[in-house]
Amino acid sequence: MVAVAVVLILAAVILTIGAILGGSETTNFDIFQGSISATGTQIFLLGLVTGLLFIVGAKTLQIGARRARKRGKELRELRAKQREVERREREAPPEPSDDSDRGEPARQSTRNPFDIDDTSFRSHRFRDPADQ
């Protein structure tokens, strides 16, 4: 396999050198309602650039499709996990609270006692209770 690859590469190099060095004749060809005059070398190099652009575009398309497929797979997995979590939450029995024996719901405090009051730069000084 390696030998075949080396032979093909050598053939491509020899043909490229031959096309560049031996293409001194001017040729006229029509394209898009116009006539263009170019040497064989210019035509070969234009074809080479066009081929390289095609290969780069095809590779970019391949990478983009692979990335989109990977993102789609991850998104499907995340959605499945989320549905499973939501299903478990719906099916899970309610957790008993500490105040369940009194028959009243547990009261939740909206203020954290460990929060630092950073609303004022005077936090280390005496505060008037009316300010709070």
Protein backbone atom coordinates (compact mmCIF):
# COMPACT_ATOMS: atom_id res chain seq x y z
CA MET A 1 0.00 0.00 0.00
CA VAL A 2 2.83 2.36 0.89
CA ALA A 3 4.63 1.51 -2.36
CA VAL A 4 1.53 2.34 -4.40
CA ALA A 5 1.18 5.66 -2.57
CA VAL A 6 4.83 6.55 -3.22
CA VAL A 7 4.46 5.69 -6.93
CA LEU A 8 1.33 7.85 -7.23
CA ILE A 9 3.03 10.78 -5.47
CA LEU A 10 6.08 10.53 -7.75
CA ALA A 11 3.84 10.39 -10.82
CA ALA A 12 1.97 13.50 -9.65
CA VAL A 13 5.25 15.36 -9.04
CA ILE A 14 6.64 14.41 -12.47
CA LEU A 15 3.43 15.43 -14.24
CA THR A 16 3.33 18.74 -12.34
CA ILE A 17 6.92 19.57 -13.26
CA GLY A 18 6.23 18.62 -16.89
CA ALA A 19 3.08 20.75 -17.04
CA ILE A 20 4.80 23.79 -15.52
CA LEU A 21 7.98 23.60 -17.59
CA GLY A 22 6.49 22.42 -20.88
CA GLY A 23 3.35 24.53 -21.03
CA SER A 24 4.63 27.54 -22.95
CA GLU A 25 2.07 27.43 -25.76
CA THR A 26 -0.76 29.96 -25.63
CA THR A 27 -4.27 28.56 -25.78
CA ASN A 28 -7.57 30.39 -26.22
CA PHE A 29 -10.69 29.06 -24.58
CA ASP A 30 -14.18 30.39 -24.06
CA ILE A 31 -15.73 30.62 -20.64
CA PHE A 32 -18.81 32.57 -19.49
CA GLN A 33 -19.39 34.29 -22.83
CA GLY A 34 -15.76 35.48 -23.00
CA SER A 35 -12.46 34.36 -24.49
CA ILE A 36 -9.39 33.85 -22.33
CA SER A 37 -5.86 33.45 -23.58
CA ALA A 38 -3.50 31.54 -21.27
CA THR A 39 -0.46 29.31 -21.38
CA GLY A 40 -0.59 25.67 -20.42
CA THR A 41 1.25 26.47 -17.18
CA GLN A 42 -1.30 29.09 -16.21
CA ILE A 43 -4.17 26.73 -16.95
CA PHE A 44 -2.51 23.95 -14.94
CA LEU A 45 -1.87 26.21 -11.96
CA LEU A 46 -5.43 27.53 -12.11
CA GLY A 47 -6.69 23.94 -12.04
CA LEU A 48 -4.37 23.16 -9.16
CA VAL A 49 -5.67 26.12 -7.13
CA THR A 50 -9.27 25.19 -7.97
CA GLY A 51 -8.67 21.61 -6.87
CA LEU A 52 -7.08 22.72 -3.61
CA LEU A 53 -10.00 25.07 -2.90
CA PHE A 54 -12.40 22.20 -3.54
CA ILE A 55 -10.48 19.91 -1.16
CA VAL A 56 -10.37 22.58 1.58
CA GLY A 57 -14.11 23.24 1.17
CA ALA A 58 -14.95 19.52 1.27
CA LYS A 59 -12.82 19.01 4.38
CA THR A 60 -14.43 22.02 6.08
CA LEU A 61 -17.86 20.62 5.25
CA GLN A 62 -16.85 17.23 6.66
CA ILE A 63 -15.57 18.78 9.91
CA GLY A 64 -18.71 20.90 10.27
CA ALA A 65 -20.99 17.92 9.69
CA ARG A 66 -19.06 15.83 12.22
CA ARG A 67 -19.25 18.62 14.80
CA ALA A 68 -22.99 19.14 14.21
CA ARG A 69 -23.62 15.40 14.51
CA LYS A 70 -21.65 15.31 17.79
CA ARG A 71 -23.57 18.29 19.19
CA GLY A 72 -26.88 16.73 18.19
CA LYS A 73 -25.94 13.48 19.90
CA GLU A 74 -24.93 15.32 23.09
CA LEU A 75 -28.15 17.33 23.02
CA ARG A 76 -30.26 14.19 22.63
CA GLU A 77 -28.43 12.57 25.56
CA LEU A 78 -28.91 15.64 27.75
CA ARG A 79 -32.61 15.82 26.91
CA ALA A 80 -33.03 12.13 27.73
CA LYS A 81 -31.28 12.62 31.09
CA GLN A 82 -33.46 15.66 31.84
CA ARG A 83 -36.63 13.71 31.02
CA GLU A 84 -35.44 10.91 33.32
CA VAL A 85 -34.78 13.35 36.17
CA GLU A 86 -38.19 14.98 35.70
CA ARG A 87 -39.86 11.54 35.62
CA ARG A 88 -38.13 10.54 38.87
CA GLU A 89 -39.14 13.80 40.53
CA ARG A 90 -42.79 13.23 39.56
CA GLU A 91 -42.76 9.63 40.77
CA ALA A 92 -40.81 10.21 44.00
CA PRO A 93 -42.89 10.41 47.19
CA PRO A 94 -42.75 13.76 49.00
CA GLU A 95 -40.06 13.96 51.64
CA PRO A 96 -41.31 14.29 55.23
CA SER A 97 -40.43 17.59 56.86
CA ASP A 98 -39.35 18.16 60.47
CA ASP A 99 -42.64 19.90 61.29
CA SER A 100 -44.84 17.15 59.85
CA ASP A 101 -45.98 16.03 63.29
CA ARG A 102 -47.52 19.45 64.01
CA GLY A 103 -49.63 19.38 60.86
CA GLU A 104 -48.38 22.69 59.49
CA PRO A 105 -46.02 23.24 56.58
CA ALA A 106 -42.40 24.10 57.29
CA ARG A 107 -41.66 27.80 57.08
CA GLN A 108 -38.74 28.72 54.88
CA SER A 109 -36.66 31.75 55.69
CA THR A 110 -35.84 34.03 52.79
CA ARG A 111 -32.87 35.53 54.64
CA ASN A 112 -29.62 33.66 55.11
CA PRO A 113 -28.17 34.41 58.57
CA PHE A 114 -24.63 34.09 57.17
CA ASP A 115 -25.05 36.72 54.47
CA ILE A 116 -22.84 39.78 54.81
CA ASP A 117 -24.55 43.12 54.41
CA ASP A 118 -22.59 44.76 51.60
CA THR A 119 -25.11 47.46 50.81
CA SER A 120 -23.10 50.06 52.66
CA PHE A 121 -19.48 50.91 53.21
CA ARG A 122 -20.36 51.61 56.86
CA SER A 123 -20.84 47.93 57.66
CA HIS A 124 -18.21 48.02 60.40
CA ARG A 125 -19.80 51.01 62.16
CA PHE A 126 -22.87 51.28 64.30
CA ARG A 127 -26.05 51.19 62.30
CA ASP A 128 -29.28 52.82 63.14
CA PRO A 129 -32.06 50.16 63.21
CA ALA A 130 -34.26 52.56 61.25
CA ASP A 131 -31.85 52.26 58.27
CA GLN A 132 -32.50 48.58 57.92
